[in-house]
Amino acid sequence: VGDWRMQADRHEVKELSAGQLRRQLDETRELLGEH
């Protein structure tokens, strides 16, 4: 969540939920595909 800013208030936010797993898996597959 740092928005490419050096002095961001927060750089990352943690959420270990099933919804987060599904969302981020889709995002990862979009970028890395079969790799």
PDB file of all heavy atoms in Angstrom:
ATOM      1  N   VAL A   1       0.830  -1.213   0.000  1.00  0.00           N
ATOM      2  CA  VAL A   1       0.000   0.000   0.000  1.00  0.00           C
ATOM      3  C   VAL A   1       0.863   1.262   0.000  1.00  0.00           C
ATOM      4  O   VAL A   1       0.361   2.355   0.219  1.00  0.00           O
ATOM      5  CB  VAL A   1      -0.956   0.007   1.214  1.00  0.00           C
ATOM      6  CG1 VAL A   1      -1.937  -1.148   1.129  1.00  0.00           C
ATOM      7  CG2 VAL A   1      -0.180  -0.040   2.545  1.00  0.00           C
ATOM      8  N   GLY A   2       2.148   1.106  -0.255  1.00  0.00           N
ATOM      9  CA  GLY A   2       3.062   2.247  -0.196  1.00  0.00           C
ATOM     10  C   GLY A   2       2.970   3.196  -1.355  1.00  0.00           C
ATOM     11  O   GLY A   2       3.533   4.303  -1.308  1.00  0.00           O
ATOM     12  N   ASP A   3       2.274   2.782  -2.440  1.00  0.00           N
ATOM     13  CA  ASP A   3       2.053   3.650  -3.602  1.00  0.00           C
ATOM     14  C   ASP A   3       3.360   4.224  -4.148  1.00  0.00           C
ATOM     15  O   ASP A   3       3.407   5.359  -4.615  1.00  0.00           O
ATOM     16  CB  ASP A   3       1.082   4.778  -3.241  1.00  0.00           C
ATOM     17  CG  ASP A   3       0.509   5.476  -4.468  1.00  0.00           C
ATOM     18  OD1 ASP A   3       0.387   4.815  -5.528  1.00  0.00           O
ATOM     19  OD2 ASP A   3       0.209   6.680  -4.380  1.00  0.00           O
ATOM     20  N   TRP A   4       4.433   3.439  -4.066  1.00  0.00           N
ATOM     21  CA  TRP A   4       5.749   3.820  -4.578  1.00  0.00           C
ATOM     22  C   TRP A   4       6.266   5.126  -3.955  1.00  0.00           C
ATOM     23  O   TRP A   4       6.962   5.922  -4.574  1.00  0.00           O
ATOM     24  CB  TRP A   4       5.730   3.930  -6.106  1.00  0.00           C
ATOM     25  CG  TRP A   4       7.061   3.530  -6.693  1.00  0.00           C
ATOM     26  CD1 TRP A   4       8.063   4.378  -7.101  1.00  0.00           C
ATOM     27  CD2 TRP A   4       7.548   2.206  -6.921  1.00  0.00           C
ATOM     28  NE1 TRP A   4       9.148   3.661  -7.554  1.00  0.00           N
ATOM     29  CE2 TRP A   4       8.854   2.318  -7.466  1.00  0.00           C
ATOM     30  CE3 TRP A   4       7.020   0.943  -6.718  1.00  0.00           C
ATOM     31  CZ2 TRP A   4       9.614   1.209  -7.803  1.00  0.00           C
ATOM     32  CZ3 TRP A   4       7.776  -0.161  -7.054  1.00  0.00           C
ATOM     33  CH2 TRP A   4       9.050  -0.020  -7.593  1.00  0.00           C
ATOM     34  N   ARG A   5       5.937   5.336  -2.686  1.00  0.00           N
ATOM     35  CA  ARG A   5       6.409   6.527  -1.970  1.00  0.00           C
ATOM     36  C   ARG A   5       7.407   6.110  -0.904  1.00  0.00           C
ATOM     37  O   ARG A   5       7.147   5.203  -0.125  1.00  0.00           O
ATOM     38  CB  ARG A   5       5.227   7.269  -1.332  1.00  0.00           C
ATOM     39  CG  ARG A   5       4.331   7.960  -2.352  1.00  0.00           C
ATOM     40  CD  ARG A   5       3.139   8.631  -1.680  1.00  0.00           C
ATOM     41  NE  ARG A   5       2.227   7.662  -1.096  1.00  0.00           N
ATOM     42  CZ  ARG A   5       1.848   7.658   0.178  1.00  0.00           C
ATOM     43  NH1 ARG A   5       2.321   8.563   1.019  1.00  0.00           N
ATOM     44  NH2 ARG A   5       1.001   6.739   0.625  1.00  0.00           N
ATOM     45  N   MET A   6       8.536   6.801  -0.839  1.00  0.00           N
ATOM     46  CA  MET A   6       9.566   6.486   0.143  1.00  0.00           C
ATOM     47  C   MET A   6       9.065   6.712   1.566  1.00  0.00           C
ATOM     48  O   MET A   6       9.396   5.966   2.476  1.00  0.00           O
ATOM     49  CB  MET A   6      10.800   7.348  -0.114  1.00  0.00           C
ATOM     50  CG  MET A   6      11.540   7.021  -1.406  1.00  0.00           C
ATOM     51  SD  MET A   6      12.421   5.445  -1.292  1.00  0.00           S
ATOM     52  CE  MET A   6      13.672   5.862  -0.081  1.00  0.00           C
ATOM     53  N   GLN A   7       8.277   7.755   1.779  1.00  0.00           N
ATOM     54  CA  GLN A   7       7.865   8.140   3.117  1.00  0.00           C
ATOM     55  C   GLN A   7       6.406   7.812   3.388  1.00  0.00           C
ATOM     56  O   GLN A   7       5.718   8.541   4.092  1.00  0.00           O
ATOM     57  CB  GLN A   7       8.111   9.647   3.320  1.00  0.00           C
ATOM     58  CG  GLN A   7       9.532  10.097   3.058  1.00  0.00           C
ATOM     59  CD  GLN A   7      10.548   9.392   3.940  1.00  0.00           C
ATOM     60  OE1 GLN A   7      10.249   9.075   5.089  1.00  0.00           O
ATOM     61  NE2 GLN A   7      11.737   9.144   3.422  1.00  0.00           N
ATOM     62  N   ALA A   8       5.920   6.734   2.839  1.00  0.00           N
ATOM     63  CA  ALA A   8       4.529   6.338   3.062  1.00  0.00           C
ATOM     64  C   ALA A   8       4.294   6.060   4.551  1.00  0.00           C
ATOM     65  O   ALA A   8       5.188   5.597   5.263  1.00  0.00           O
ATOM     66  CB  ALA A   8       4.200   5.097   2.249  1.00  0.00           C
ATOM     67  N   ASP A   9       3.079   6.362   5.028  1.00  0.00           N
ATOM     68  CA  ASP A   9       2.741   6.067   6.418  1.00  0.00           C
ATOM     69  C   ASP A   9       2.796   4.567   6.683  1.00  0.00           C
ATOM     70  O   ASP A   9       3.242   4.130   7.743  1.00  0.00           O
ATOM     71  CB  ASP A   9       1.333   6.594   6.737  1.00  0.00           C
ATOM     72  CG  ASP A   9       1.268   8.113   6.721  1.00  0.00           C
ATOM     73  OD1 ASP A   9       2.317   8.747   6.940  1.00  0.00           O
ATOM     74  OD2 ASP A   9       0.176   8.651   6.483  1.00  0.00           O
ATOM     75  N   ARG A  10       2.301   3.790   5.726  1.00  0.00           N
ATOM     76  CA  ARG A  10       2.380   2.335   5.795  1.00  0.00           C
ATOM     77  C   ARG A  10       2.780   1.814   4.426  1.00  0.00           C
ATOM     78  O   ARG A  10       2.303   2.303   3.411  1.00  0.00           O
ATOM     79  CB  ARG A  10       1.030   1.725   6.200  1.00  0.00           C
ATOM     80  CG  ARG A  10       0.646   1.954   7.636  1.00  0.00           C
ATOM     81  CD  ARG A  10      -0.544   1.085   8.034  1.00  0.00           C
ATOM     82  NE  ARG A  10      -1.723   1.362   7.232  1.00  0.00           N
ATOM     83  CZ  ARG A  10      -2.868   0.694   7.333  1.00  0.00           C
ATOM     84  NH1 ARG A  10      -2.970  -0.329   8.189  1.00  0.00           N
ATOM     85  NH2 ARG A  10      -3.902   1.007   6.581  1.00  0.00           N
ATOM     86  N   HIS A  11       3.633   0.807   4.411  1.00  0.00           N
ATOM     87  CA  HIS A  11       4.087   0.234   3.148  1.00  0.00           C
ATOM     88  C   HIS A  11       3.371  -1.061   2.811  1.00  0.00           C
ATOM     89  O   HIS A  11       3.287  -1.425   1.632  1.00  0.00           O
ATOM     90  CB  HIS A  11       5.595  -0.004   3.198  1.00  0.00           C
ATOM     91  CG  HIS A  11       6.394   1.254   3.299  1.00  0.00           C
ATOM     92  ND1 HIS A  11       6.815   1.965   2.199  1.00  0.00           N
ATOM     93  CD2 HIS A  11       6.838   1.947   4.383  1.00  0.00           C
ATOM     94  CE1 HIS A  11       7.492   3.026   2.593  1.00  0.00           C
ATOM     95  NE2 HIS A  11       7.514   3.048   3.908  1.00  0.00           N
ATOM     96  N   GLU A  12       2.872  -1.781   3.811  1.00  0.00           N
ATOM     97  CA  GLU A  12       2.183  -3.034   3.568  1.00  0.00           C
ATOM     98  C   GLU A  12       1.181  -3.298   4.680  1.00  0.00           C
ATOM     99  O   GLU A  12       1.346  -2.833   5.807  1.00  0.00           O
ATOM    100  CB  GLU A  12       3.177  -4.199   3.444  1.00  0.00           C
ATOM    101  CG  GLU A  12       4.116  -4.335   4.628  1.00  0.00           C
ATOM    102  CD  GLU A  12       5.207  -5.364   4.393  1.00  0.00           C
ATOM    103  OE1 GLU A  12       5.448  -5.740   3.233  1.00  0.00           O
ATOM    104  OE2 GLU A  12       5.826  -5.785   5.397  1.00  0.00           O
ATOM    105  N   VAL A  13       0.132  -4.034   4.332  1.00  0.00           N
ATOM    106  CA  VAL A  13      -0.924  -4.373   5.284  1.00  0.00           C
ATOM    107  C   VAL A  13      -1.152  -5.878   5.225  1.00  0.00           C
ATOM    108  O   VAL A  13      -1.279  -6.451   4.138  1.00  0.00           O
ATOM    109  CB  VAL A  13      -2.236  -3.626   4.952  1.00  0.00           C
ATOM    110  CG1 VAL A  13      -3.351  -4.087   5.878  1.00  0.00           C
ATOM    111  CG2 VAL A  13      -2.033  -2.118   5.060  1.00  0.00           C
ATOM    112  N   LYS A  14      -1.235  -6.506   6.395  1.00  0.00           N
ATOM    113  CA  LYS A  14      -1.366  -7.956   6.483  1.00  0.00           C
ATOM    114  C   LYS A  14      -2.823  -8.367   6.659  1.00  0.00           C
ATOM    115  O   LYS A  14      -3.540  -7.806   7.474  1.00  0.00           O
ATOM    116  CB  LYS A  14      -0.532  -8.467   7.663  1.00  0.00           C
ATOM    117  CG  LYS A  14      -0.460  -9.984   7.801  1.00  0.00           C
ATOM    118  CD  LYS A  14       0.473 -10.345   8.949  1.00  0.00           C
ATOM    119  CE  LYS A  14       0.689 -11.849   9.059  1.00  0.00           C
ATOM    120  NZ  LYS A  14       1.634 -12.177  10.157  1.00  0.00           N
ATOM    121  N   GLU A  15      -3.239  -9.364   5.882  1.00  0.00           N
ATOM    122  CA  GLU A  15      -4.564  -9.961   6.039  1.00  0.00           C
ATOM    123  C   GLU A  15      -4.484 -11.419   5.585  1.00  0.00           C
ATOM    124  O   GLU A  15      -4.427 -11.697   4.389  1.00  0.00           O
ATOM    125  CB  GLU A  15      -5.620  -9.232   5.209  1.00  0.00           C
ATOM    126  CG  GLU A  15      -7.017  -9.838   5.364  1.00  0.00           C
ATOM    127  CD  GLU A  15      -8.026  -9.280   4.387  1.00  0.00           C
ATOM    128  OE1 GLU A  15      -7.874  -8.122   3.948  1.00  0.00           O
ATOM    129  OE2 GLU A  15      -8.974 -10.013   4.049  1.00  0.00           O
ATOM    130  N   LEU A  16      -4.517 -12.332   6.525  1.00  0.00           N
ATOM    131  CA  LEU A  16      -4.396 -13.753   6.200  1.00  0.00           C
ATOM    132  C   LEU A  16      -5.781 -14.406   6.225  1.00  0.00           C
ATOM    133  O   LEU A  16      -6.091 -15.243   7.067  1.00  0.00           O
ATOM    134  CB  LEU A  16      -3.457 -14.442   7.195  1.00  0.00           C
ATOM    135  CG  LEU A  16      -2.003 -13.979   7.176  1.00  0.00           C
ATOM    136  CD1 LEU A  16      -1.177 -14.706   8.229  1.00  0.00           C
ATOM    137  CD2 LEU A  16      -1.387 -14.178   5.795  1.00  0.00           C
ATOM    138  N   SER A  17      -6.602 -14.014   5.264  1.00  0.00           N
ATOM    139  CA  SER A  17      -7.963 -14.536   5.164  1.00  0.00           C
ATOM    140  C   SER A  17      -8.130 -15.321   3.870  1.00  0.00           C
ATOM    141  O   SER A  17      -7.334 -15.194   2.931  1.00  0.00           O
ATOM    142  CB  SER A  17      -8.971 -13.388   5.183  1.00  0.00           C
ATOM    143  OG  SER A  17      -8.865 -12.605   3.996  1.00  0.00           O
ATOM    144  N   ALA A  18      -9.211 -16.135   3.818  1.00  0.00           N
ATOM    145  CA  ALA A  18      -9.492 -16.887   2.601  1.00  0.00           C
ATOM    146  C   ALA A  18      -9.790 -15.955   1.435  1.00  0.00           C
ATOM    147  O   ALA A  18      -9.398 -16.224   0.293  1.00  0.00           O
ATOM    148  CB  ALA A  18     -10.661 -17.846   2.840  1.00  0.00           C
ATOM    149  N   GLY A  19     -10.460 -14.846   1.717  1.00  0.00           N
ATOM    150  CA  GLY A  19     -10.732 -13.882   0.655  1.00  0.00           C
ATOM    151  C   GLY A  19      -9.456 -13.284   0.094  1.00  0.00           C
ATOM    152  O   GLY A  19      -9.322 -13.102  -1.119  1.00  0.00           O
ATOM    153  N   GLN A  20      -8.527 -12.981   0.983  1.00  0.00           N
ATOM    154  CA  GLN A  20      -7.236 -12.448   0.532  1.00  0.00           C
ATOM    155  C   GLN A  20      -6.491 -13.477  -0.299  1.00  0.00           C
ATOM    156  O   GLN A  20      -5.871 -13.147  -1.318  1.00  0.00           O
ATOM    157  CB  GLN A  20      -6.398 -12.034   1.739  1.00  0.00           C
ATOM    158  CG  GLN A  20      -5.036 -11.435   1.431  1.00  0.00           C
ATOM    159  CD  GLN A  20      -5.085  -9.952   1.121  1.00  0.00           C
ATOM    160  OE1 GLN A  20      -5.939  -9.502   0.351  1.00  0.00           O
ATOM    161  NE2 GLN A  20      -4.182  -9.196   1.721  1.00  0.00           N
ATOM    162  N   LEU A  21      -6.521 -14.725   0.119  1.00  0.00           N
ATOM    163  CA  LEU A  21      -5.885 -15.790  -0.660  1.00  0.00           C
ATOM    164  C   LEU A  21      -6.453 -15.827  -2.075  1.00  0.00           C
ATOM    165  O   LEU A  21      -5.689 -15.864  -3.051  1.00  0.00           O
ATOM    166  CB  LEU A  21      -6.084 -17.140   0.033  1.00  0.00           C
ATOM    167  CG  LEU A  21      -5.735 -18.396  -0.777  1.00  0.00           C
ATOM    168  CD1 LEU A  21      -4.282 -18.391  -1.221  1.00  0.00           C
ATOM    169  CD2 LEU A  21      -6.056 -19.654   0.027  1.00  0.00           C
ATOM    170  N   ARG A  22      -7.767 -15.817  -2.209  1.00  0.00           N
ATOM    171  CA  ARG A  22      -8.371 -15.890  -3.541  1.00  0.00           C
ATOM    172  C   ARG A  22      -8.018 -14.671  -4.378  1.00  0.00           C
ATOM    173  O   ARG A  22      -7.654 -14.788  -5.562  1.00  0.00           O
ATOM    174  CB  ARG A  22      -9.895 -16.026  -3.405  1.00  0.00           C
ATOM    175  CG  ARG A  22     -10.360 -17.375  -2.854  1.00  0.00           C
ATOM    176  CD  ARG A  22     -11.859 -17.525  -2.986  1.00  0.00           C
ATOM    177  NE  ARG A  22     -12.569 -16.553  -2.153  1.00  0.00           N
ATOM    178  CZ  ARG A  22     -12.952 -16.783  -0.897  1.00  0.00           C
ATOM    179  NH1 ARG A  22     -12.672 -17.952  -0.324  1.00  0.00           N
ATOM    180  NH2 ARG A  22     -13.614 -15.867  -0.221  1.00  0.00           N
ATOM    181  N   ARG A  23      -8.129 -13.475  -3.778  1.00  0.00           N
ATOM    182  CA  ARG A  23      -7.827 -12.246  -4.527  1.00  0.00           C
ATOM    183  C   ARG A  23      -6.382 -12.222  -4.992  1.00  0.00           C
ATOM    184  O   ARG A  23      -6.085 -11.936  -6.165  1.00  0.00           O
ATOM    185  CB  ARG A  23      -8.102 -11.016  -3.659  1.00  0.00           C
ATOM    186  CG  ARG A  23      -9.558 -10.672  -3.436  1.00  0.00           C
ATOM    187  CD  ARG A  23      -9.707  -9.323  -2.762  1.00  0.00           C
ATOM    188  NE  ARG A  23      -9.091  -9.295  -1.438  1.00  0.00           N
ATOM    189  CZ  ARG A  23      -9.725  -9.633  -0.315  1.00  0.00           C
ATOM    190  NH1 ARG A  23     -10.976 -10.063  -0.367  1.00  0.00           N
ATOM    191  NH2 ARG A  23      -9.114  -9.550   0.853  1.00  0.00           N
ATOM    192  N   GLN A  24      -5.477 -12.502  -4.068  1.00  0.00           N
ATOM    193  CA  GLN A  24      -4.064 -12.365  -4.405  1.00  0.00           C
ATOM    194  C   GLN A  24      -3.580 -13.494  -5.303  1.00  0.00           C
ATOM    195  O   GLN A  24      -2.687 -13.278  -6.123  1.00  0.00           O
ATOM    196  CB  GLN A  24      -3.236 -12.262  -3.125  1.00  0.00           C
ATOM    197  CG  GLN A  24      -3.534 -10.969  -2.358  1.00  0.00           C
ATOM    198  CD  GLN A  24      -2.466 -10.609  -1.353  1.00  0.00           C
ATOM    199  OE1 GLN A  24      -1.965 -11.467  -0.622  1.00  0.00           O
ATOM    200  NE2 GLN A  24      -2.122  -9.338  -1.291  1.00  0.00           N
ATOM    201  N   LEU A  25      -4.154 -14.664  -5.191  1.00  0.00           N
ATOM    202  CA  LEU A  25      -3.798 -15.739  -6.119  1.00  0.00           C
ATOM    203  C   LEU A  25      -4.159 -15.347  -7.546  1.00  0.00           C
ATOM    204  O   LEU A  25      -3.364 -15.573  -8.478  1.00  0.00           O
ATOM    205  CB  LEU A  25      -4.493 -17.034  -5.728  1.00  0.00           C
ATOM    206  CG  LEU A  25      -4.254 -18.240  -6.650  1.00  0.00           C
ATOM    207  CD1 LEU A  25      -2.766 -18.570  -6.755  1.00  0.00           C
ATOM    208  CD2 LEU A  25      -5.040 -19.459  -6.159  1.00  0.00           C
ATOM    209  N   ASP A  26      -5.318 -14.741  -7.732  1.00  0.00           N
ATOM    210  CA  ASP A  26      -5.701 -14.280  -9.075  1.00  0.00           C
ATOM    211  C   ASP A  26      -4.709 -13.234  -9.576  1.00  0.00           C
ATOM    212  O   ASP A  26      -4.306 -13.250 -10.753  1.00  0.00           O
ATOM    213  CB  ASP A  26      -7.109 -13.692  -9.053  1.00  0.00           C
ATOM    214  CG  ASP A  26      -8.199 -14.746  -8.932  1.00  0.00           C
ATOM    215  OD1 ASP A  26      -7.908 -15.937  -9.164  1.00  0.00           O
ATOM    216  OD2 ASP A  26      -9.343 -14.376  -8.600  1.00  0.00           O
ATOM    217  N   GLU A  27      -4.294 -12.320  -8.699  1.00  0.00           N
ATOM    218  CA  GLU A  27      -3.345 -11.278  -9.095  1.00  0.00           C
ATOM    219  C   GLU A  27      -1.989 -11.877  -9.444  1.00  0.00           C
ATOM    220  O   GLU A  27      -1.350 -11.475 -10.436  1.00  0.00           O
ATOM    221  CB  GLU A  27      -3.207 -10.262  -7.959  1.00  0.00           C
ATOM    222  CG  GLU A  27      -4.467  -9.461  -7.696  1.00  0.00           C
ATOM    223  CD  GLU A  27      -4.454  -8.719  -6.370  1.00  0.00           C
ATOM    224  OE1 GLU A  27      -3.500  -8.931  -5.568  1.00  0.00           O
ATOM    225  OE2 GLU A  27      -5.388  -7.943  -6.122  1.00  0.00           O
ATOM    226  N   THR A  28      -1.549 -12.815  -8.632  1.00  0.00           N
ATOM    227  CA  THR A  28      -0.260 -13.463  -8.892  1.00  0.00           C
ATOM    228  C   THR A  28      -0.289 -14.224 -10.210  1.00  0.00           C
ATOM    229  O   THR A  28       0.662 -14.147 -11.010  1.00  0.00           O
ATOM    230  CB  THR A  28       0.093 -14.420  -7.739  1.00  0.00           C
ATOM    231  OG1 THR A  28       0.284 -13.664  -6.540  1.00  0.00           O
ATOM    232  CG2 THR A  28       1.356 -15.208  -8.038  1.00  0.00           C
ATOM    233  N   ARG A  29      -1.354 -14.957 -10.450  1.00  0.00           N
ATOM    234  CA  ARG A  29      -1.454 -15.715 -11.699  1.00  0.00           C
ATOM    235  C   ARG A  29      -1.509 -14.796 -12.906  1.00  0.00           C
ATOM    236  O   ARG A  29      -0.996 -15.145 -13.980  1.00  0.00           O
ATOM    237  CB  ARG A  29      -2.679 -16.624 -11.645  1.00  0.00           C
ATOM    238  CG  ARG A  29      -2.432 -17.894 -10.834  1.00  0.00           C
ATOM    239  CD  ARG A  29      -3.663 -18.745 -10.711  1.00  0.00           C
ATOM    240  NE  ARG A  29      -3.325 -20.133 -10.402  1.00  0.00           N
ATOM    241  CZ  ARG A  29      -4.177 -21.000  -9.890  1.00  0.00           C
ATOM    242  NH1 ARG A  29      -5.422 -20.639  -9.619  1.00  0.00           N
ATOM    243  NH2 ARG A  29      -3.796 -22.242  -9.650  1.00  0.00           N
ATOM    244  N   GLU A  30      -2.094 -13.623 -12.761  1.00  0.00           N
ATOM    245  CA  GLU A  30      -2.131 -12.666 -13.863  1.00  0.00           C
ATOM    246  C   GLU A  30      -0.720 -12.234 -14.249  1.00  0.00           C
ATOM    247  O   GLU A  30      -0.414 -12.032 -15.430  1.00  0.00           O
ATOM    248  CB  GLU A  30      -2.959 -11.443 -13.463  1.00  0.00           C
ATOM    249  CG  GLU A  30      -3.069 -10.368 -14.520  1.00  0.00           C
ATOM    250  CD  GLU A  30      -3.907 -10.776 -15.725  1.00  0.00           C
ATOM    251  OE1 GLU A  30      -4.741 -11.701 -15.582  1.00  0.00           O
ATOM    252  OE2 GLU A  30      -3.727 -10.173 -16.804  1.00  0.00           O
ATOM    253  N   LEU A  31       0.155 -12.116 -13.268  1.00  0.00           N
ATOM    254  CA  LEU A  31       1.513 -11.626 -13.507  1.00  0.00           C
ATOM    255  C   LEU A  31       2.519 -12.738 -13.803  1.00  0.00           C
ATOM    256  O   LEU A  31       3.448 -12.547 -14.589  1.00  0.00           O
ATOM    257  CB  LEU A  31       1.991 -10.814 -12.300  1.00  0.00           C
ATOM    258  CG  LEU A  31       1.236  -9.506 -12.058  1.00  0.00           C
ATOM    259  CD1 LEU A  31       1.554  -8.947 -10.682  1.00  0.00           C
ATOM    260  CD2 LEU A  31       1.568  -8.483 -13.137  1.00  0.00           C
ATOM    261  N   LEU A  32       2.358 -13.887 -13.174  1.00  0.00           N
ATOM    262  CA  LEU A  32       3.344 -14.966 -13.314  1.00  0.00           C
ATOM    263  C   LEU A  32       2.855 -16.136 -14.147  1.00  0.00           C
ATOM    264  O   LEU A  32       3.665 -16.950 -14.603  1.00  0.00           O
ATOM    265  CB  LEU A  32       3.757 -15.464 -11.927  1.00  0.00           C
ATOM    266  CG  LEU A  32       4.484 -14.448 -11.041  1.00  0.00           C
ATOM    267  CD1 LEU A  32       4.770 -15.044  -9.672  1.00  0.00           C
ATOM    268  CD2 LEU A  32       5.776 -13.971 -11.691  1.00  0.00           C
ATOM    269  N   GLY A  33       1.550 -16.267 -14.325  1.00  0.00           N
ATOM    270  CA  GLY A  33       1.001 -17.312 -15.171  1.00  0.00           C
ATOM    271  C   GLY A  33       1.477 -18.696 -14.778  1.00  0.00           C
ATOM    272  O   GLY A  33       1.528 -19.049 -13.593  1.00  0.00           O
ATOM    273  N   GLU A  34       1.847 -19.490 -15.778  1.00  0.00           N
ATOM    274  CA  GLU A  34       2.230 -20.880 -15.544  1.00  0.00           C
ATOM    275  C   GLU A  34       3.592 -21.020 -14.875  1.00  0.00           C
ATOM    276  O   GLU A  34       4.000 -22.124 -14.524  1.00  0.00           O
ATOM    277  CB  GLU A  34       2.220 -21.652 -16.860  1.00  0.00           C
ATOM    278  CG  GLU A  34       0.837 -21.785 -17.485  1.00  0.00           C
ATOM    279  CD  GLU A  34       0.863 -22.574 -18.768  1.00  0.00           C
ATOM    280  OE1 GLU A  34       1.950 -23.079 -19.148  1.00  0.00           O
ATOM    281  OE2 GLU A  34      -0.190 -22.686 -19.407  1.00  0.00           O
ATOM    282  N   HIS A  35       4.290 -19.914 -14.691  1.00  0.00           N
ATOM    283  CA  HIS A  35       5.583 -19.986 -14.001  1.00  0.00           C
ATOM    284  C   HIS A  35       5.420 -20.247 -12.510  1.00  0.00           C
ATOM    285  O   HIS A  35       6.369 -20.699 -11.856  1.00  0.00           O
ATOM    286  CB  HIS A  35       6.369 -18.690 -14.194  1.00  0.00           C
ATOM    287  CG  HIS A  35       6.902 -18.503 -15.579  1.00  0.00           C
ATOM    288  ND1 HIS A  35       8.028 -19.157 -16.025  1.00  0.00           N
ATOM    289  CD2 HIS A  35       6.458 -17.747 -16.613  1.00  0.00           C
ATOM    290  CE1 HIS A  35       8.267 -18.807 -17.288  1.00  0.00           C
ATOM    291  NE2 HIS A  35       7.328 -17.950 -17.662  1.00  0.00           N
TER     292      HIS A  35
END
